[in-house]
Amino acid sequence: MVVIGCSAAAVLVAGTAGGSGLAGQSPEPRTIEVLARRYSFEPAEIAVTAGEAVRLVVRSGDGLHGFEIKPLNISKEVPRGSAPVIIDFVAGEAGRFPIVCSVYCGEGHEDMNGVLVVQAREQDQPRAQPFMPSEPVAGRPVFLGALRARGTAMRRSQPVHVLERSRIAVP
């Protein structure tokens, strides 16, 4: 979802990404409609996924505005009227990128901002790994399974604590 905040209001319309069915062609970009007006963008936050093709359709609800996302080198003037400004891009790395009005539009201009949120794809997110020390660490409990793997015979109900790297104490 892309988030945009400013004195311009923005309207979000998300289409579905679909392909033409022909091999080798990329799917249509997801379309998000944004309305800019004094002194906000609607929606104020736009969320997308890294690697996703996006088409922003930006309209002005009242006067001349700007639509700028500096880290992505996107900067467009949005004129008054019904003709939308089309901005196509592919979302890059994950992060939060500020959206600002780059054309002075009145006293509340500084408050006209939003945010583009690029979320990492599931396959890009690291998976949690269970902590299994290769050697005992002083002051930390040791899992019975880890001791058995080293050939140490222990009763299941026996608590085990590591005093030093080389000594294991069984109370």
N, C-alpha and C. Protein backbone atom coordinates (compact mmCIF):
# COMPACT_ATOMS: atom_id res chain seq x y z
N MET A 1 0.86 -1.16 0.00
CA MET A 1 0.00 0.00 0.00
C MET A 1 0.89 1.21 0.00
N VAL A 2 0.56 2.23 -0.76
CA VAL A 2 1.35 3.45 -0.78
C VAL A 2 0.62 4.45 0.06
N VAL A 3 1.35 5.16 0.88
CA VAL A 3 0.73 6.13 1.75
C VAL A 3 1.13 7.50 1.31
N ILE A 4 0.16 8.37 1.12
CA ILE A 4 0.46 9.72 0.71
C ILE A 4 -0.22 10.66 1.67
N GLY A 5 0.49 11.64 2.19
CA GLY A 5 -0.13 12.58 3.10
C GLY A 5 0.26 13.97 2.69
N CYS A 6 -0.68 14.87 2.61
CA CYS A 6 -0.44 16.25 2.28
C CYS A 6 -1.79 16.92 2.34
N SER A 7 -1.88 18.12 1.90
CA SER A 7 -3.17 18.76 1.95
C SER A 7 -4.01 18.35 0.77
N ALA A 8 -3.54 17.40 0.02
CA ALA A 8 -4.33 16.92 -1.10
C ALA A 8 -4.91 15.58 -0.73
N ALA A 9 -6.13 15.32 -1.15
CA ALA A 9 -6.77 14.07 -0.82
C ALA A 9 -6.54 13.11 -1.97
N ALA A 10 -6.43 11.83 -1.66
CA ALA A 10 -6.20 10.86 -2.71
C ALA A 10 -7.19 9.73 -2.57
N VAL A 11 -7.59 9.19 -3.67
CA VAL A 11 -8.52 8.08 -3.66
C VAL A 11 -7.78 6.86 -4.18
N LEU A 12 -7.90 5.77 -3.46
CA LEU A 12 -7.18 4.56 -3.82
C LEU A 12 -8.13 3.60 -4.52
N VAL A 13 -7.74 3.21 -5.69
CA VAL A 13 -8.47 2.18 -6.39
C VAL A 13 -7.43 1.17 -6.85
N ALA A 14 -7.50 -0.01 -6.31
CA ALA A 14 -6.51 -1.02 -6.66
C ALA A 14 -7.16 -2.02 -7.60
N GLY A 15 -6.55 -2.19 -8.76
CA GLY A 15 -7.03 -3.17 -9.71
C GLY A 15 -6.29 -4.46 -9.48
N THR A 16 -6.75 -5.48 -10.11
CA THR A 16 -6.05 -6.76 -9.98
C THR A 16 -5.03 -6.86 -11.08
N ALA A 17 -3.93 -7.47 -10.76
CA ALA A 17 -2.90 -7.68 -11.77
C ALA A 17 -3.26 -8.94 -12.53
N GLY A 18 -3.29 -8.82 -13.81
CA GLY A 18 -3.65 -9.98 -14.62
C GLY A 18 -2.81 -10.00 -15.87
N GLY A 19 -2.58 -11.16 -16.40
CA GLY A 19 -1.79 -11.27 -17.61
C GLY A 19 -2.67 -11.37 -18.82
N SER A 20 -2.05 -11.24 -19.98
CA SER A 20 -2.80 -11.33 -21.22
C SER A 20 -2.93 -12.77 -21.67
N GLY A 21 -2.22 -13.66 -20.96
CA GLY A 21 -2.29 -15.06 -21.33
C GLY A 21 -1.23 -15.45 -22.34
N LEU A 22 -0.48 -14.50 -22.87
CA LEU A 22 0.56 -14.80 -23.83
C LEU A 22 1.88 -15.04 -23.10
N ALA A 23 2.60 -16.04 -23.52
CA ALA A 23 3.87 -16.36 -22.88
C ALA A 23 4.86 -15.23 -23.11
N GLY A 24 5.64 -14.92 -22.07
CA GLY A 24 6.68 -13.92 -22.21
C GLY A 24 6.23 -12.51 -21.90
N GLN A 25 4.93 -12.28 -21.74
CA GLN A 25 4.47 -10.94 -21.43
C GLN A 25 4.26 -10.81 -19.94
N SER A 26 4.62 -9.63 -19.41
CA SER A 26 4.45 -9.41 -17.98
C SER A 26 3.00 -9.02 -17.70
N PRO A 27 2.53 -9.28 -16.48
CA PRO A 27 1.16 -8.94 -16.13
C PRO A 27 0.97 -7.43 -16.11
N GLU A 28 -0.27 -7.01 -16.23
CA GLU A 28 -0.60 -5.59 -16.16
C GLU A 28 -0.22 -5.07 -14.77
N PRO A 29 0.21 -3.82 -14.70
CA PRO A 29 0.56 -3.27 -13.39
C PRO A 29 -0.69 -3.07 -12.53
N ARG A 30 -0.51 -3.10 -11.23
CA ARG A 30 -1.61 -2.80 -10.32
C ARG A 30 -1.84 -1.31 -10.38
N THR A 31 -3.09 -0.90 -10.58
CA THR A 31 -3.43 0.51 -10.71
C THR A 31 -3.94 1.05 -9.38
N ILE A 32 -3.36 2.18 -8.97
CA ILE A 32 -3.76 2.84 -7.73
C ILE A 32 -4.08 4.29 -8.08
N GLU A 33 -5.30 4.72 -7.81
CA GLU A 33 -5.69 6.10 -8.07
C GLU A 33 -5.43 6.94 -6.84
N VAL A 34 -4.83 8.12 -7.09
CA VAL A 34 -4.47 9.03 -6.02
C VAL A 34 -5.09 10.40 -6.33
N LEU A 35 -5.72 11.00 -5.34
CA LEU A 35 -6.29 12.33 -5.49
C LEU A 35 -5.47 13.30 -4.65
N ALA A 36 -4.99 14.36 -5.29
CA ALA A 36 -4.23 15.40 -4.59
C ALA A 36 -5.12 16.63 -4.48
N ARG A 37 -5.25 17.16 -3.27
CA ARG A 37 -5.99 18.40 -3.08
C ARG A 37 -5.49 19.06 -1.81
N ARG A 38 -5.81 20.32 -1.64
CA ARG A 38 -5.31 21.06 -0.48
C ARG A 38 -5.68 20.35 0.79
N TYR A 39 -4.93 19.97 1.61
CA TYR A 39 -3.49 19.81 1.70
C TYR A 39 -3.22 18.37 2.07
N SER A 40 -3.64 17.47 1.20
CA SER A 40 -3.47 16.04 1.48
C SER A 40 -3.49 15.23 0.19
N PHE A 41 -3.05 14.00 0.35
CA PHE A 41 -3.17 13.00 -0.72
C PHE A 41 -4.13 11.94 -0.21
N GLU A 42 -4.95 11.42 -1.10
CA GLU A 42 -5.81 10.28 -0.74
C GLU A 42 -5.54 9.17 -1.73
N PRO A 43 -5.09 8.02 -1.28
CA PRO A 43 -4.79 7.66 0.10
C PRO A 43 -3.47 8.29 0.54
N ALA A 44 -3.32 8.44 1.82
CA ALA A 44 -2.09 9.01 2.37
C ALA A 44 -0.97 7.98 2.44
N GLU A 45 -1.34 6.70 2.44
CA GLU A 45 -0.35 5.63 2.47
C GLU A 45 -0.65 4.66 1.33
N ILE A 46 0.38 4.35 0.59
CA ILE A 46 0.26 3.40 -0.53
C ILE A 46 1.18 2.24 -0.22
N ALA A 47 0.63 1.04 -0.19
CA ALA A 47 1.43 -0.15 0.11
C ALA A 47 1.53 -1.03 -1.13
N VAL A 48 2.76 -1.42 -1.45
CA VAL A 48 3.03 -2.31 -2.58
C VAL A 48 4.06 -3.35 -2.13
N THR A 49 4.28 -4.33 -2.98
CA THR A 49 5.25 -5.38 -2.68
C THR A 49 6.47 -5.20 -3.56
N ALA A 50 7.64 -5.45 -3.03
CA ALA A 50 8.88 -5.35 -3.80
C ALA A 50 8.78 -6.20 -5.06
N GLY A 51 9.18 -5.62 -6.18
CA GLY A 51 9.13 -6.31 -7.46
C GLY A 51 7.81 -6.17 -8.20
N GLU A 52 6.83 -5.56 -7.57
CA GLU A 52 5.50 -5.41 -8.17
C GLU A 52 5.47 -4.23 -9.14
N ALA A 53 4.84 -4.43 -10.31
CA ALA A 53 4.63 -3.35 -11.28
C ALA A 53 3.44 -2.53 -10.80
N VAL A 54 3.63 -1.20 -10.73
CA VAL A 54 2.61 -0.31 -10.18
C VAL A 54 2.34 0.82 -11.16
N ARG A 55 1.08 1.19 -11.29
CA ARG A 55 0.69 2.37 -12.08
C ARG A 55 -0.11 3.28 -11.16
N LEU A 56 0.44 4.47 -10.89
CA LEU A 56 -0.26 5.48 -10.10
C LEU A 56 -0.98 6.41 -11.08
N VAL A 57 -2.27 6.61 -10.85
CA VAL A 57 -3.07 7.54 -11.65
C VAL A 57 -3.39 8.70 -10.71
N VAL A 58 -2.67 9.81 -10.90
CA VAL A 58 -2.76 10.94 -9.96
C VAL A 58 -3.58 12.07 -10.59
N ARG A 59 -4.60 12.51 -9.85
CA ARG A 59 -5.46 13.62 -10.28
C ARG A 59 -5.43 14.72 -9.23
N SER A 60 -5.71 15.94 -9.67
CA SER A 60 -5.83 17.07 -8.74
C SER A 60 -7.31 17.34 -8.50
N GLY A 61 -7.65 17.59 -7.24
CA GLY A 61 -9.03 17.89 -6.90
C GLY A 61 -9.32 19.37 -6.87
N ASP A 62 -8.27 20.22 -6.97
CA ASP A 62 -8.54 21.66 -6.87
C ASP A 62 -7.60 22.54 -7.67
N GLY A 63 -6.32 22.35 -7.60
CA GLY A 63 -5.38 23.24 -8.29
C GLY A 63 -4.12 22.51 -8.65
N LEU A 64 -3.08 23.26 -9.00
CA LEU A 64 -1.80 22.67 -9.38
C LEU A 64 -1.10 22.11 -8.14
N HIS A 65 -0.64 20.87 -8.25
CA HIS A 65 0.11 20.20 -7.18
C HIS A 65 1.30 19.48 -7.80
N GLY A 66 2.16 18.97 -6.94
CA GLY A 66 3.27 18.14 -7.38
C GLY A 66 3.19 16.80 -6.67
N PHE A 67 3.77 15.77 -7.28
CA PHE A 67 3.81 14.43 -6.68
C PHE A 67 5.25 13.98 -6.79
N GLU A 68 5.92 13.85 -5.63
CA GLU A 68 7.35 13.54 -5.66
C GLU A 68 7.71 12.48 -4.64
N ILE A 69 8.48 11.48 -5.11
CA ILE A 69 9.09 10.46 -4.25
C ILE A 69 10.58 10.49 -4.59
N LYS A 70 11.34 11.31 -3.88
CA LYS A 70 12.75 11.55 -4.22
C LYS A 70 13.59 10.29 -4.31
N PRO A 71 13.51 9.36 -3.33
CA PRO A 71 14.39 8.18 -3.40
C PRO A 71 14.16 7.33 -4.66
N LEU A 72 12.99 7.46 -5.28
CA LEU A 72 12.69 6.68 -6.49
C LEU A 72 12.80 7.53 -7.76
N ASN A 73 13.27 8.77 -7.60
CA ASN A 73 13.40 9.70 -8.73
C ASN A 73 12.09 9.90 -9.48
N ILE A 74 11.00 10.01 -8.73
CA ILE A 74 9.69 10.30 -9.30
C ILE A 74 9.33 11.72 -8.92
N SER A 75 9.06 12.56 -9.93
CA SER A 75 8.65 13.93 -9.69
C SER A 75 7.80 14.38 -10.86
N LYS A 76 6.51 14.63 -10.59
CA LYS A 76 5.57 15.03 -11.65
C LYS A 76 4.72 16.18 -11.16
N GLU A 77 4.37 17.09 -12.07
CA GLU A 77 3.39 18.12 -11.78
C GLU A 77 2.01 17.54 -12.07
N VAL A 78 1.06 17.86 -11.20
CA VAL A 78 -0.31 17.39 -11.37
C VAL A 78 -1.17 18.62 -11.62
N PRO A 79 -1.58 18.85 -12.89
CA PRO A 79 -2.34 20.06 -13.22
C PRO A 79 -3.80 19.98 -12.76
N ARG A 80 -4.40 21.16 -12.65
CA ARG A 80 -5.83 21.25 -12.34
C ARG A 80 -6.59 20.67 -13.54
N GLY A 81 -7.69 20.03 -13.26
CA GLY A 81 -8.51 19.49 -14.35
C GLY A 81 -8.67 17.99 -14.22
N SER A 82 -9.28 17.42 -15.23
CA SER A 82 -9.62 16.00 -15.16
C SER A 82 -8.56 15.08 -15.76
N ALA A 83 -7.58 15.64 -16.47
CA ALA A 83 -6.55 14.79 -17.08
C ALA A 83 -5.60 14.26 -16.01
N PRO A 84 -5.54 12.94 -15.84
CA PRO A 84 -4.65 12.38 -14.81
C PRO A 84 -3.20 12.33 -15.28
N VAL A 85 -2.31 12.26 -14.31
CA VAL A 85 -0.89 12.03 -14.58
C VAL A 85 -0.63 10.57 -14.27
N ILE A 86 -0.05 9.85 -15.23
CA ILE A 86 0.23 8.41 -15.07
C ILE A 86 1.69 8.24 -14.70
N ILE A 87 1.93 7.49 -13.61
CA ILE A 87 3.29 7.21 -13.16
C ILE A 87 3.44 5.70 -13.06
N ASP A 88 4.26 5.12 -13.93
CA ASP A 88 4.52 3.67 -13.92
C ASP A 88 5.90 3.41 -13.33
N PHE A 89 5.99 2.42 -12.47
CA PHE A 89 7.28 2.02 -11.91
C PHE A 89 7.17 0.60 -11.36
N VAL A 90 8.32 0.01 -11.11
CA VAL A 90 8.40 -1.29 -10.46
C VAL A 90 8.98 -1.03 -9.07
N ALA A 91 8.25 -1.46 -8.05
CA ALA A 91 8.70 -1.25 -6.67
C ALA A 91 10.03 -1.96 -6.45
N GLY A 92 10.99 -1.24 -5.91
CA GLY A 92 12.32 -1.79 -5.68
C GLY A 92 12.43 -2.40 -4.29
N GLU A 93 13.49 -2.03 -3.60
CA GLU A 93 13.75 -2.60 -2.28
C GLU A 93 12.71 -2.17 -1.27
N ALA A 94 12.53 -2.99 -0.25
CA ALA A 94 11.56 -2.72 0.80
C ALA A 94 11.96 -1.47 1.59
N GLY A 95 10.94 -0.75 2.06
CA GLY A 95 11.19 0.44 2.87
C GLY A 95 10.00 1.39 2.84
N ARG A 96 10.16 2.50 3.53
CA ARG A 96 9.13 3.55 3.59
C ARG A 96 9.71 4.78 2.90
N PHE A 97 9.00 5.28 1.88
CA PHE A 97 9.48 6.38 1.08
C PHE A 97 8.49 7.54 1.14
N PRO A 98 8.95 8.73 1.57
CA PRO A 98 8.03 9.86 1.71
C PRO A 98 7.55 10.36 0.36
N ILE A 99 6.28 10.75 0.35
CA ILE A 99 5.66 11.38 -0.82
C ILE A 99 5.34 12.81 -0.42
N VAL A 100 5.75 13.76 -1.24
CA VAL A 100 5.50 15.16 -0.93
C VAL A 100 4.90 15.88 -2.13
N CYS A 101 4.25 17.01 -1.84
CA CYS A 101 3.78 17.90 -2.89
C CYS A 101 4.97 18.79 -3.23
N SER A 102 5.40 18.77 -4.48
CA SER A 102 6.60 19.50 -4.88
C SER A 102 6.29 20.86 -5.51
N VAL A 103 5.01 21.24 -5.53
CA VAL A 103 4.60 22.54 -6.06
C VAL A 103 3.86 23.28 -4.96
N TYR A 104 4.31 24.50 -4.63
CA TYR A 104 3.66 25.26 -3.56
C TYR A 104 2.18 25.44 -3.88
N CYS A 105 1.32 25.08 -2.92
CA CYS A 105 -0.12 25.10 -3.17
C CYS A 105 -0.90 25.87 -2.11
N GLY A 106 -0.21 26.60 -1.23
CA GLY A 106 -0.91 27.39 -0.22
C GLY A 106 -0.29 27.22 1.15
N GLU A 107 -0.97 27.81 2.16
CA GLU A 107 -0.43 27.84 3.52
C GLU A 107 -0.22 26.46 4.15
N GLY A 108 -0.99 25.47 3.78
CA GLY A 108 -0.85 24.13 4.34
C GLY A 108 0.03 23.21 3.52
N HIS A 109 0.77 23.78 2.56
CA HIS A 109 1.60 22.98 1.64
C HIS A 109 2.56 22.03 2.36
N GLU A 110 3.17 22.50 3.45
CA GLU A 110 4.16 21.68 4.17
C GLU A 110 3.53 20.43 4.78
N ASP A 111 2.21 20.46 4.99
CA ASP A 111 1.52 19.32 5.59
C ASP A 111 1.06 18.31 4.56
N MET A 112 1.24 18.62 3.29
CA MET A 112 0.78 17.74 2.22
C MET A 112 1.85 16.69 1.96
N ASN A 113 1.66 15.53 2.53
CA ASN A 113 2.64 14.46 2.36
C ASN A 113 1.98 13.11 2.53
N GLY A 114 2.68 12.10 2.18
CA GLY A 114 2.20 10.73 2.29
C GLY A 114 3.40 9.80 2.36
N VAL A 115 3.13 8.52 2.17
CA VAL A 115 4.23 7.56 2.23
C VAL A 115 3.93 6.38 1.31
N LEU A 116 4.97 5.94 0.63
CA LEU A 116 4.93 4.72 -0.17
C LEU A 116 5.61 3.66 0.67
N VAL A 117 4.87 2.59 0.96
CA VAL A 117 5.42 1.50 1.76
C VAL A 117 5.66 0.31 0.83
N VAL A 118 6.93 -0.04 0.66
CA VAL A 118 7.28 -1.20 -0.17
C VAL A 118 7.60 -2.33 0.80
N GLN A 119 6.78 -3.36 0.74
CA GLN A 119 6.95 -4.51 1.63
C GLN A 119 7.75 -5.60 0.92
N ALA A 120 8.61 -6.26 1.68
CA ALA A 120 9.42 -7.35 1.12
C ALA A 120 8.53 -8.51 0.73
N ARG A 121 8.91 -9.19 -0.34
CA ARG A 121 8.20 -10.41 -0.72
C ARG A 121 8.45 -11.47 0.32
N GLU A 122 7.52 -12.40 0.48
CA GLU A 122 7.67 -13.44 1.51
C GLU A 122 8.96 -14.22 1.33
N GLN A 123 9.33 -14.54 0.10
CA GLN A 123 10.53 -15.34 -0.11
C GLN A 123 11.80 -14.54 0.20
N ASP A 124 11.71 -13.20 0.28
CA ASP A 124 12.87 -12.38 0.60
C ASP A 124 13.07 -12.21 2.10
N GLN A 125 12.06 -12.54 2.90
CA GLN A 125 12.16 -12.35 4.33
C GLN A 125 12.87 -13.54 4.97
N PRO A 126 13.83 -13.25 5.86
CA PRO A 126 14.56 -14.35 6.50
C PRO A 126 13.66 -15.14 7.43
N ARG A 127 13.88 -16.42 7.49
CA ARG A 127 13.10 -17.28 8.38
C ARG A 127 13.84 -17.44 9.70
N ALA A 128 13.07 -17.48 10.77
CA ALA A 128 13.67 -17.65 12.09
C ALA A 128 14.24 -19.06 12.23
N GLN A 129 15.44 -19.13 12.76
CA GLN A 129 16.10 -20.41 12.99
C GLN A 129 16.17 -20.64 14.50
N PRO A 130 15.92 -21.85 14.94
CA PRO A 130 16.02 -22.11 16.38
C PRO A 130 17.47 -21.97 16.83
N PHE A 131 17.66 -21.46 18.05
CA PHE A 131 19.00 -21.29 18.59
C PHE A 131 19.51 -22.63 19.11
N MET A 132 20.58 -23.10 18.52
CA MET A 132 21.22 -24.34 18.98
C MET A 132 22.72 -24.08 18.99
N PRO A 133 23.26 -23.76 20.15
CA PRO A 133 24.70 -23.48 20.20
C PRO A 133 25.49 -24.73 19.84
N SER A 134 26.59 -24.54 19.12
CA SER A 134 27.43 -25.68 18.76
C SER A 134 28.22 -26.16 19.96
N GLU A 135 28.47 -25.26 20.90
CA GLU A 135 29.15 -25.62 22.14
C GLU A 135 28.41 -24.97 23.30
N PRO A 136 28.51 -25.55 24.50
CA PRO A 136 27.86 -24.95 25.66
C PRO A 136 28.39 -23.53 25.91
N VAL A 137 27.50 -22.65 26.34
CA VAL A 137 27.85 -21.27 26.63
C VAL A 137 27.61 -21.03 28.11
N ALA A 138 28.59 -20.45 28.81
CA ALA A 138 28.49 -20.24 30.25
C ALA A 138 27.25 -19.43 30.61
N GLY A 139 26.51 -19.91 31.64
CA GLY A 139 25.34 -19.20 32.13
C GLY A 139 24.06 -19.49 31.38
N ARG A 140 24.11 -20.29 30.33
CA ARG A 140 22.92 -20.59 29.56
C ARG A 140 22.52 -22.05 29.74
N PRO A 141 21.21 -22.31 29.80
CA PRO A 141 20.78 -23.71 29.88
C PRO A 141 21.14 -24.46 28.61
N VAL A 142 21.37 -25.72 28.72
CA VAL A 142 21.71 -26.56 27.57
C VAL A 142 20.54 -27.50 27.31
N PHE A 143 20.17 -27.66 26.05
CA PHE A 143 19.09 -28.57 25.69
C PHE A 143 19.58 -30.00 25.80
N LEU A 144 18.76 -30.84 26.36
CA LEU A 144 19.13 -32.23 26.55
C LEU A 144 19.48 -32.89 25.22
N GLY A 145 18.74 -32.54 24.17
CA GLY A 145 19.01 -33.10 22.84
C GLY A 145 20.41 -32.76 22.36
N ALA A 146 20.90 -31.55 22.67
CA ALA A 146 22.23 -31.14 22.27
C ALA A 146 23.29 -31.96 22.98
N LEU A 147 23.05 -32.30 24.26
CA LEU A 147 24.00 -33.13 25.00
C LEU A 147 24.00 -34.55 24.46
N ARG A 148 22.83 -35.08 24.15
CA ARG A 148 22.77 -36.45 23.61
C ARG A 148 23.51 -36.53 22.28
N ALA A 149 23.42 -35.46 21.48
CA ALA A 149 24.12 -35.45 20.20
C ALA A 149 25.63 -35.53 20.40
N ARG A 150 26.10 -35.06 21.55
CA ARG A 150 27.53 -35.13 21.86
C ARG A 150 27.90 -36.44 22.57
N GLY A 151 26.91 -37.31 22.81
CA GLY A 151 27.18 -38.59 23.46
C GLY A 151 27.12 -38.52 24.97
N THR A 152 26.56 -37.46 25.55
CA THR A 152 26.44 -37.33 26.99
C THR A 152 25.14 -37.99 27.43
N ALA A 153 25.22 -38.95 28.34
CA ALA A 153 24.02 -39.62 28.83
C ALA A 153 23.42 -38.81 29.97
N MET A 154 22.15 -38.46 29.86
CA MET A 154 21.48 -37.67 30.90
C MET A 154 20.06 -38.21 31.08
N ARG A 155 19.54 -38.03 32.30
CA ARG A 155 18.13 -38.34 32.53
C ARG A 155 17.31 -37.16 32.04
N ARG A 156 16.13 -37.40 31.51
CA ARG A 156 15.29 -36.36 30.95
C ARG A 156 14.90 -35.30 31.99
N SER A 157 14.75 -35.67 33.26
CA SER A 157 14.30 -34.72 34.27
C SER A 157 15.45 -33.92 34.89
N GLN A 158 16.67 -34.23 34.51
CA GLN A 158 17.82 -33.56 35.10
C GLN A 158 18.06 -32.19 34.48
N PRO A 159 18.05 -31.11 35.30
CA PRO A 159 18.41 -29.79 34.76
C PRO A 159 19.91 -29.72 34.53
N VAL A 160 20.30 -29.07 33.48
CA VAL A 160 21.72 -28.97 33.15
C VAL A 160 22.06 -27.50 32.95
N HIS A 161 23.16 -27.03 33.55
CA HIS A 161 23.62 -25.66 33.38
C HIS A 161 25.09 -25.68 33.02
N VAL A 162 25.48 -24.76 32.19
CA VAL A 162 26.87 -24.67 31.78
C VAL A 162 27.57 -23.69 32.71
N LEU A 163 28.61 -24.15 33.38
CA LEU A 163 29.40 -23.28 34.25
C LEU A 163 30.52 -22.61 33.48
N GLU A 164 31.16 -23.37 32.65
CA GLU A 164 32.23 -22.87 31.79
C GLU A 164 32.09 -23.62 30.47
N ARG A 165 32.87 -23.23 29.51
CA ARG A 165 32.81 -23.93 28.22
C ARG A 165 33.20 -25.39 28.35
N SER A 166 34.08 -25.70 29.27
CA SER A 166 34.59 -27.06 29.36
C SER A 166 33.91 -27.91 30.43
N ARG A 167 33.10 -27.30 31.32
CA ARG A 167 32.47 -28.06 32.40
C ARG A 167 30.96 -27.93 32.32
N ILE A 168 30.27 -29.03 32.51
CA ILE A 168 28.82 -29.04 32.57
C ILE A 168 28.45 -29.54 33.97
N ALA A 169 27.61 -28.77 34.64
CA ALA A 169 27.21 -29.15 36.00
C ALA A 169 25.81 -29.73 35.98
N VAL A 170 25.65 -30.85 36.68
CA VAL A 170 24.34 -31.49 36.83
C VAL A 170 24.02 -31.44 38.31
N PRO A 171 23.03 -30.63 38.73
CA PRO A 171 22.71 -30.54 40.15
C PRO A 171 22.10 -31.81 40.69
